[in-house]
Amino acid sequence: ACIKKIEQSTGARLDVLKNREVIVIKGSTAAIADAKKAVEEVFSRATGNQAGGAAVPGEVSRISSFGSGPDAGRLASIVIGKAGATVRAIQDETGASVRVSNERDFQDRRVVVRGTAEQVGKAESKISAI
């Protein structure tokens, strides 16, 4: 119901890739931006677990894109690091949960960062600095 509501209100198409923590958003630039904002609002109100549990007070989620094109996969690989070392270090240092999409079918790869606003901000800063 939530996906359909976002699609109807934004004009974008949302495809949820099961068990991958990835939502692919398609449409015009404006529709994608509106849908991304709506999805981020939903994530900020919910834990994101498959059971659909109650929202965790103070928890936020942010979805960022590595962009599209040939560099998207390379950038995602840099954030992940050798055997996941870089992403684990970011999580350990910030306390945030960091998940990088593993969709090789799509050139647009995404990162989802969850935690308190402070944790998410620190993790995003570390990712941007890479």
N, C-alpha and C. Protein backbone atom coordinates (compact mmCIF):
# COMPACT_ATOMS: atom_id res chain seq x y z
N ALA A 1 0.82 -1.19 0.00
CA ALA A 1 0.00 0.00 0.00
C ALA A 1 0.86 1.25 0.00
N CYS A 2 1.95 1.24 0.76
CA CYS A 2 2.81 2.41 0.85
C CYS A 2 3.51 2.68 -0.49
N ILE A 3 3.98 1.62 -1.15
CA ILE A 3 4.65 1.78 -2.45
C ILE A 3 3.68 2.37 -3.46
N LYS A 4 2.47 1.83 -3.52
CA LYS A 4 1.48 2.34 -4.47
C LYS A 4 1.15 3.80 -4.20
N LYS A 5 1.06 4.15 -2.93
CA LYS A 5 0.76 5.54 -2.57
C LYS A 5 1.88 6.47 -3.04
N ILE A 6 3.13 6.05 -2.84
CA ILE A 6 4.26 6.87 -3.29
C ILE A 6 4.26 6.97 -4.81
N GLU A 7 4.00 5.86 -5.50
CA GLU A 7 3.95 5.88 -6.96
C GLU A 7 2.87 6.82 -7.46
N GLN A 8 1.69 6.76 -6.85
CA GLN A 8 0.58 7.60 -7.28
C GLN A 8 0.85 9.08 -7.00
N SER A 9 1.46 9.37 -5.86
CA SER A 9 1.67 10.78 -5.50
C SER A 9 2.85 11.42 -6.24
N THR A 10 3.81 10.59 -6.70
CA THR A 10 5.01 11.15 -7.33
C THR A 10 5.09 10.93 -8.83
N GLY A 11 4.37 9.92 -9.33
CA GLY A 11 4.46 9.58 -10.75
C GLY A 11 5.67 8.72 -11.09
N ALA A 12 6.43 8.32 -10.08
CA ALA A 12 7.60 7.46 -10.29
C ALA A 12 7.20 6.00 -10.16
N ARG A 13 8.03 5.13 -10.68
CA ARG A 13 7.84 3.67 -10.55
C ARG A 13 8.85 3.16 -9.54
N LEU A 14 8.39 2.41 -8.52
CA LEU A 14 9.27 1.86 -7.50
C LEU A 14 9.28 0.35 -7.62
N ASP A 15 10.46 -0.23 -7.71
CA ASP A 15 10.63 -1.68 -7.72
C ASP A 15 11.43 -2.06 -6.49
N VAL A 16 10.83 -2.87 -5.63
CA VAL A 16 11.52 -3.33 -4.43
C VAL A 16 12.18 -4.67 -4.75
N LEU A 17 13.49 -4.71 -4.62
CA LEU A 17 14.24 -5.94 -4.87
C LEU A 17 14.31 -6.70 -3.55
N LYS A 18 13.55 -7.77 -3.45
CA LYS A 18 13.41 -8.55 -2.22
C LYS A 18 14.76 -9.03 -1.70
N ASN A 19 14.87 -9.04 -0.38
CA ASN A 19 16.05 -9.54 0.33
C ASN A 19 17.34 -8.83 -0.06
N ARG A 20 17.26 -7.65 -0.63
CA ARG A 20 18.48 -6.94 -1.03
C ARG A 20 18.53 -5.53 -0.44
N GLU A 21 17.49 -5.12 0.26
CA GLU A 21 17.42 -3.79 0.84
C GLU A 21 17.62 -2.70 -0.22
N VAL A 22 17.03 -2.92 -1.41
CA VAL A 22 17.19 -1.97 -2.51
C VAL A 22 15.83 -1.63 -3.08
N ILE A 23 15.63 -0.37 -3.34
CA ILE A 23 14.45 0.09 -4.06
C ILE A 23 14.95 0.82 -5.29
N VAL A 24 14.52 0.38 -6.46
CA VAL A 24 14.90 1.04 -7.71
C VAL A 24 13.78 2.00 -8.06
N ILE A 25 14.13 3.27 -8.28
CA ILE A 25 13.15 4.30 -8.58
C ILE A 25 13.37 4.74 -10.02
N LYS A 26 12.30 4.70 -10.83
CA LYS A 26 12.38 5.08 -12.23
C LYS A 26 11.36 6.18 -12.51
N GLY A 27 11.71 7.06 -13.42
CA GLY A 27 10.79 8.13 -13.81
C GLY A 27 11.57 9.37 -14.19
N SER A 28 10.86 10.47 -14.28
CA SER A 28 11.51 11.75 -14.60
C SER A 28 12.39 12.16 -13.42
N THR A 29 13.26 13.09 -13.65
CA THR A 29 14.16 13.56 -12.59
C THR A 29 13.36 14.08 -11.40
N ALA A 30 12.32 14.84 -11.66
CA ALA A 30 11.50 15.39 -10.58
C ALA A 30 10.75 14.28 -9.85
N ALA A 31 10.21 13.32 -10.60
CA ALA A 31 9.47 12.22 -9.98
C ALA A 31 10.40 11.37 -9.11
N ILE A 32 11.63 11.13 -9.59
CA ILE A 32 12.59 10.35 -8.81
C ILE A 32 12.95 11.08 -7.52
N ALA A 33 13.18 12.38 -7.61
CA ALA A 33 13.52 13.16 -6.42
C ALA A 33 12.39 13.13 -5.40
N ASP A 34 11.15 13.28 -5.88
CA ASP A 34 9.99 13.25 -4.98
C ASP A 34 9.83 11.87 -4.34
N ALA A 35 10.00 10.82 -5.14
CA ALA A 35 9.85 9.47 -4.62
C ALA A 35 10.96 9.15 -3.63
N LYS A 36 12.18 9.56 -3.93
CA LYS A 36 13.31 9.33 -3.01
C LYS A 36 13.02 9.98 -1.66
N LYS A 37 12.52 11.21 -1.69
CA LYS A 37 12.20 11.92 -0.45
C LYS A 37 11.10 11.17 0.33
N ALA A 38 10.09 10.69 -0.38
CA ALA A 38 9.00 9.95 0.27
C ALA A 38 9.50 8.65 0.88
N VAL A 39 10.37 7.94 0.17
CA VAL A 39 10.93 6.68 0.69
C VAL A 39 11.78 6.97 1.91
N GLU A 40 12.59 8.01 1.86
CA GLU A 40 13.42 8.37 3.02
C GLU A 40 12.55 8.68 4.23
N GLU A 41 11.41 9.33 4.02
CA GLU A 41 10.50 9.63 5.13
C GLU A 41 9.94 8.36 5.73
N VAL A 42 9.59 7.39 4.87
CA VAL A 42 9.09 6.10 5.36
C VAL A 42 10.18 5.40 6.18
N PHE A 43 11.41 5.37 5.65
CA PHE A 43 12.52 4.73 6.37
C PHE A 43 12.79 5.41 7.70
N SER A 44 12.64 6.72 7.75
CA SER A 44 12.91 7.43 9.00
C SER A 44 11.88 7.12 10.07
N ARG A 45 10.71 6.63 9.66
CA ARG A 45 9.66 6.29 10.63
C ARG A 45 9.64 4.81 10.98
N ALA A 46 10.43 4.01 10.30
CA ALA A 46 10.37 2.57 10.53
C ALA A 46 11.77 2.00 10.73
N THR A 47 11.83 0.83 11.31
CA THR A 47 13.12 0.19 11.55
C THR A 47 13.68 -0.40 10.29
N GLY A 48 12.83 -0.73 9.32
CA GLY A 48 13.30 -1.32 8.08
C GLY A 48 13.41 -2.82 8.15
N ASN A 49 13.03 -3.44 9.28
CA ASN A 49 13.14 -4.90 9.35
C ASN A 49 11.99 -5.54 8.60
N GLN A 50 12.17 -6.81 8.19
CA GLN A 50 11.19 -7.48 7.36
C GLN A 50 9.88 -7.73 8.10
N ALA A 51 9.93 -7.77 9.41
CA ALA A 51 8.71 -7.98 10.19
C ALA A 51 7.88 -6.72 10.29
N GLY A 52 8.46 -5.60 9.86
CA GLY A 52 7.71 -4.33 9.88
C GLY A 52 7.50 -3.82 11.28
N GLY A 53 8.49 -3.97 12.14
CA GLY A 53 8.38 -3.59 13.54
C GLY A 53 8.13 -2.11 13.74
N ALA A 54 7.96 -1.75 14.98
CA ALA A 54 7.70 -0.37 15.33
C ALA A 54 8.92 0.49 15.07
N ALA A 55 8.68 1.76 14.88
CA ALA A 55 9.77 2.69 14.64
C ALA A 55 10.65 2.79 15.88
N VAL A 56 11.92 2.97 15.67
CA VAL A 56 12.86 3.16 16.76
C VAL A 56 13.01 4.65 16.98
N PRO A 57 12.70 5.15 18.18
CA PRO A 57 12.81 6.58 18.42
C PRO A 57 14.21 7.08 18.12
N GLY A 58 14.30 8.16 17.36
CA GLY A 58 15.57 8.77 17.05
C GLY A 58 16.32 8.14 15.89
N GLU A 59 15.81 7.05 15.33
CA GLU A 59 16.51 6.40 14.21
C GLU A 59 16.13 7.05 12.89
N VAL A 60 17.12 7.25 12.05
CA VAL A 60 16.88 7.78 10.72
C VAL A 60 17.57 6.87 9.71
N SER A 61 17.10 6.91 8.49
CA SER A 61 17.72 6.19 7.38
C SER A 61 17.88 7.15 6.23
N ARG A 62 19.00 7.05 5.53
CA ARG A 62 19.21 7.87 4.36
C ARG A 62 19.64 6.97 3.22
N ILE A 63 19.13 7.25 2.04
CA ILE A 63 19.50 6.51 0.84
C ILE A 63 20.28 7.47 -0.04
N SER A 64 21.46 7.06 -0.45
CA SER A 64 22.28 7.86 -1.36
C SER A 64 22.62 7.03 -2.57
N SER A 65 22.93 7.69 -3.65
CA SER A 65 23.29 6.99 -4.87
C SER A 65 24.74 7.29 -5.22
N PHE A 66 25.41 6.30 -5.76
CA PHE A 66 26.77 6.48 -6.25
C PHE A 66 26.72 7.06 -7.66
N GLY A 67 25.53 7.36 -8.15
CA GLY A 67 25.38 7.88 -9.50
C GLY A 67 25.15 6.75 -10.48
N SER A 68 25.18 7.08 -11.75
CA SER A 68 24.99 6.05 -12.76
C SER A 68 26.15 6.11 -13.73
N GLY A 69 26.27 5.07 -14.49
CA GLY A 69 27.36 4.99 -15.45
C GLY A 69 28.45 4.06 -14.97
N PRO A 70 29.51 3.99 -15.71
CA PRO A 70 30.56 3.02 -15.42
C PRO A 70 31.26 3.24 -14.08
N ASP A 71 31.26 4.46 -13.56
CA ASP A 71 31.96 4.72 -12.30
C ASP A 71 31.17 4.30 -11.07
N ALA A 72 29.87 4.07 -11.20
CA ALA A 72 29.04 3.74 -10.04
C ALA A 72 29.53 2.48 -9.34
N GLY A 73 29.81 1.43 -10.09
CA GLY A 73 30.30 0.18 -9.49
C GLY A 73 31.66 0.35 -8.84
N ARG A 74 32.52 1.13 -9.47
CA ARG A 74 33.86 1.38 -8.92
C ARG A 74 33.76 2.14 -7.59
N LEU A 75 32.89 3.14 -7.53
CA LEU A 75 32.72 3.91 -6.30
C LEU A 75 32.15 3.04 -5.19
N ALA A 76 31.18 2.19 -5.53
CA ALA A 76 30.61 1.29 -4.53
C ALA A 76 31.69 0.35 -3.99
N SER A 77 32.53 -0.16 -4.88
CA SER A 77 33.61 -1.06 -4.46
C SER A 77 34.60 -0.37 -3.53
N ILE A 78 34.87 0.89 -3.77
CA ILE A 78 35.78 1.65 -2.90
C ILE A 78 35.18 1.80 -1.51
N VAL A 79 33.88 2.09 -1.43
CA VAL A 79 33.22 2.23 -0.13
C VAL A 79 33.21 0.90 0.61
N ILE A 80 32.97 -0.19 -0.11
CA ILE A 80 32.95 -1.51 0.53
C ILE A 80 34.36 -1.87 1.02
N GLY A 81 35.37 -1.65 0.17
CA GLY A 81 36.74 -1.98 0.53
C GLY A 81 37.03 -3.46 0.35
N LYS A 82 38.29 -3.82 0.47
CA LYS A 82 38.71 -5.21 0.31
C LYS A 82 38.06 -6.07 1.38
N ALA A 83 37.31 -7.08 0.93
CA ALA A 83 36.59 -8.00 1.82
C ALA A 83 35.69 -7.27 2.82
N GLY A 84 35.21 -6.08 2.45
CA GLY A 84 34.28 -5.34 3.30
C GLY A 84 34.94 -4.54 4.41
N ALA A 85 36.26 -4.42 4.37
CA ALA A 85 37.00 -3.78 5.46
C ALA A 85 36.61 -2.31 5.64
N THR A 86 36.46 -1.57 4.55
CA THR A 86 36.17 -0.14 4.67
C THR A 86 34.78 0.10 5.24
N VAL A 87 33.79 -0.61 4.73
CA VAL A 87 32.43 -0.41 5.23
C VAL A 87 32.32 -0.86 6.69
N ARG A 88 33.01 -1.93 7.07
CA ARG A 88 33.00 -2.35 8.49
C ARG A 88 33.65 -1.31 9.38
N ALA A 89 34.75 -0.71 8.91
CA ALA A 89 35.42 0.34 9.69
C ALA A 89 34.49 1.54 9.88
N ILE A 90 33.79 1.93 8.83
CA ILE A 90 32.84 3.05 8.94
C ILE A 90 31.77 2.72 9.97
N GLN A 91 31.24 1.50 9.92
CA GLN A 91 30.21 1.10 10.89
C GLN A 91 30.77 1.09 12.31
N ASP A 92 31.96 0.55 12.49
CA ASP A 92 32.57 0.49 13.82
C ASP A 92 32.85 1.87 14.38
N GLU A 93 33.34 2.78 13.54
CA GLU A 93 33.71 4.12 13.99
C GLU A 93 32.50 5.01 14.26
N THR A 94 31.40 4.78 13.54
CA THR A 94 30.25 5.69 13.65
C THR A 94 29.07 5.10 14.40
N GLY A 95 28.98 3.78 14.46
CA GLY A 95 27.82 3.13 15.07
C GLY A 95 26.63 3.01 14.14
N ALA A 96 26.76 3.52 12.92
CA ALA A 96 25.67 3.45 11.94
C ALA A 96 25.72 2.12 11.21
N SER A 97 24.59 1.71 10.66
CA SER A 97 24.52 0.55 9.78
C SER A 97 24.67 1.06 8.35
N VAL A 98 25.59 0.46 7.59
CA VAL A 98 25.82 0.89 6.22
C VAL A 98 25.65 -0.31 5.31
N ARG A 99 24.74 -0.22 4.36
CA ARG A 99 24.50 -1.30 3.40
C ARG A 99 24.65 -0.75 2.00
N VAL A 100 25.46 -1.43 1.19
CA VAL A 100 25.67 -1.04 -0.20
C VAL A 100 24.96 -2.06 -1.07
N SER A 101 24.14 -1.58 -2.02
CA SER A 101 23.43 -2.49 -2.92
C SER A 101 24.43 -3.30 -3.73
N ASN A 102 24.02 -4.49 -4.06
CA ASN A 102 24.89 -5.39 -4.84
C ASN A 102 24.20 -5.74 -6.15
N GLU A 103 23.55 -4.77 -6.75
CA GLU A 103 22.81 -5.01 -7.98
C GLU A 103 23.69 -4.77 -9.19
N ARG A 104 24.23 -5.81 -9.73
CA ARG A 104 25.10 -5.67 -10.89
C ARG A 104 24.29 -5.43 -12.18
N ASP A 105 22.98 -5.68 -12.12
CA ASP A 105 22.14 -5.43 -13.29
C ASP A 105 21.91 -3.93 -13.50
N PHE A 106 22.13 -3.15 -12.46
CA PHE A 106 21.87 -1.73 -12.51
C PHE A 106 23.18 -0.98 -12.35
N GLN A 107 23.40 0.01 -13.18
CA GLN A 107 24.62 0.80 -13.04
C GLN A 107 24.49 1.79 -11.90
N ASP A 108 23.28 2.07 -11.45
CA ASP A 108 23.05 3.01 -10.36
C ASP A 108 23.03 2.23 -9.06
N ARG A 109 24.09 2.29 -8.28
CA ARG A 109 24.16 1.56 -7.02
C ARG A 109 23.90 2.52 -5.87
N ARG A 110 23.34 2.00 -4.82
CA ARG A 110 22.90 2.82 -3.70
C ARG A 110 23.52 2.37 -2.39
N VAL A 111 23.57 3.30 -1.45
CA VAL A 111 24.00 3.00 -0.10
C VAL A 111 22.89 3.45 0.85
N VAL A 112 22.55 2.59 1.82
CA VAL A 112 21.55 2.92 2.82
C VAL A 112 22.28 3.01 4.15
N VAL A 113 22.14 4.15 4.82
CA VAL A 113 22.78 4.38 6.11
C VAL A 113 21.68 4.56 7.15
N ARG A 114 21.77 3.77 8.24
CA ARG A 114 20.76 3.83 9.31
C ARG A 114 21.44 4.05 10.64
N GLY A 115 20.75 4.74 11.51
CA GLY A 115 21.23 4.98 12.86
C GLY A 115 20.62 6.26 13.39
N THR A 116 21.21 6.78 14.46
CA THR A 116 20.74 8.07 14.96
C THR A 116 21.17 9.14 13.95
N ALA A 117 20.61 10.31 14.07
CA ALA A 117 20.98 11.39 13.16
C ALA A 117 22.48 11.66 13.22
N GLU A 118 23.04 11.62 14.42
CA GLU A 118 24.48 11.85 14.58
C GLU A 118 25.30 10.75 13.92
N GLN A 119 24.91 9.48 14.13
CA GLN A 119 25.62 8.35 13.52
C GLN A 119 25.57 8.42 12.00
N VAL A 120 24.38 8.70 11.48
CA VAL A 120 24.19 8.78 10.03
C VAL A 120 25.03 9.91 9.45
N GLY A 121 25.04 11.06 10.11
CA GLY A 121 25.84 12.19 9.65
C GLY A 121 27.33 11.87 9.61
N LYS A 122 27.82 11.21 10.66
CA LYS A 122 29.24 10.83 10.70
C LYS A 122 29.58 9.83 9.59
N ALA A 123 28.70 8.83 9.40
CA ALA A 123 28.95 7.82 8.37
C ALA A 123 28.94 8.45 6.97
N GLU A 124 27.98 9.35 6.73
CA GLU A 124 27.92 10.02 5.43
C GLU A 124 29.17 10.87 5.19
N SER A 125 29.67 11.51 6.23
CA SER A 125 30.90 12.30 6.10
C SER A 125 32.08 11.41 5.73
N LYS A 126 32.19 10.26 6.39
CA LYS A 126 33.29 9.33 6.09
C LYS A 126 33.18 8.79 4.67
N ILE A 127 31.95 8.48 4.23
CA ILE A 127 31.75 7.97 2.88
C ILE A 127 32.12 9.04 1.85
N SER A 128 31.71 10.28 2.11
CA SER A 128 32.01 11.38 1.20
C SER A 128 33.51 11.65 1.10
N ALA A 129 34.22 11.38 2.20
CA ALA A 129 35.66 11.65 2.23
C ALA A 129 36.48 10.60 1.49
N ILE A 130 35.87 9.48 1.16
CA ILE A 130 36.60 8.40 0.49
C ILE A 130 36.90 8.79 -0.94
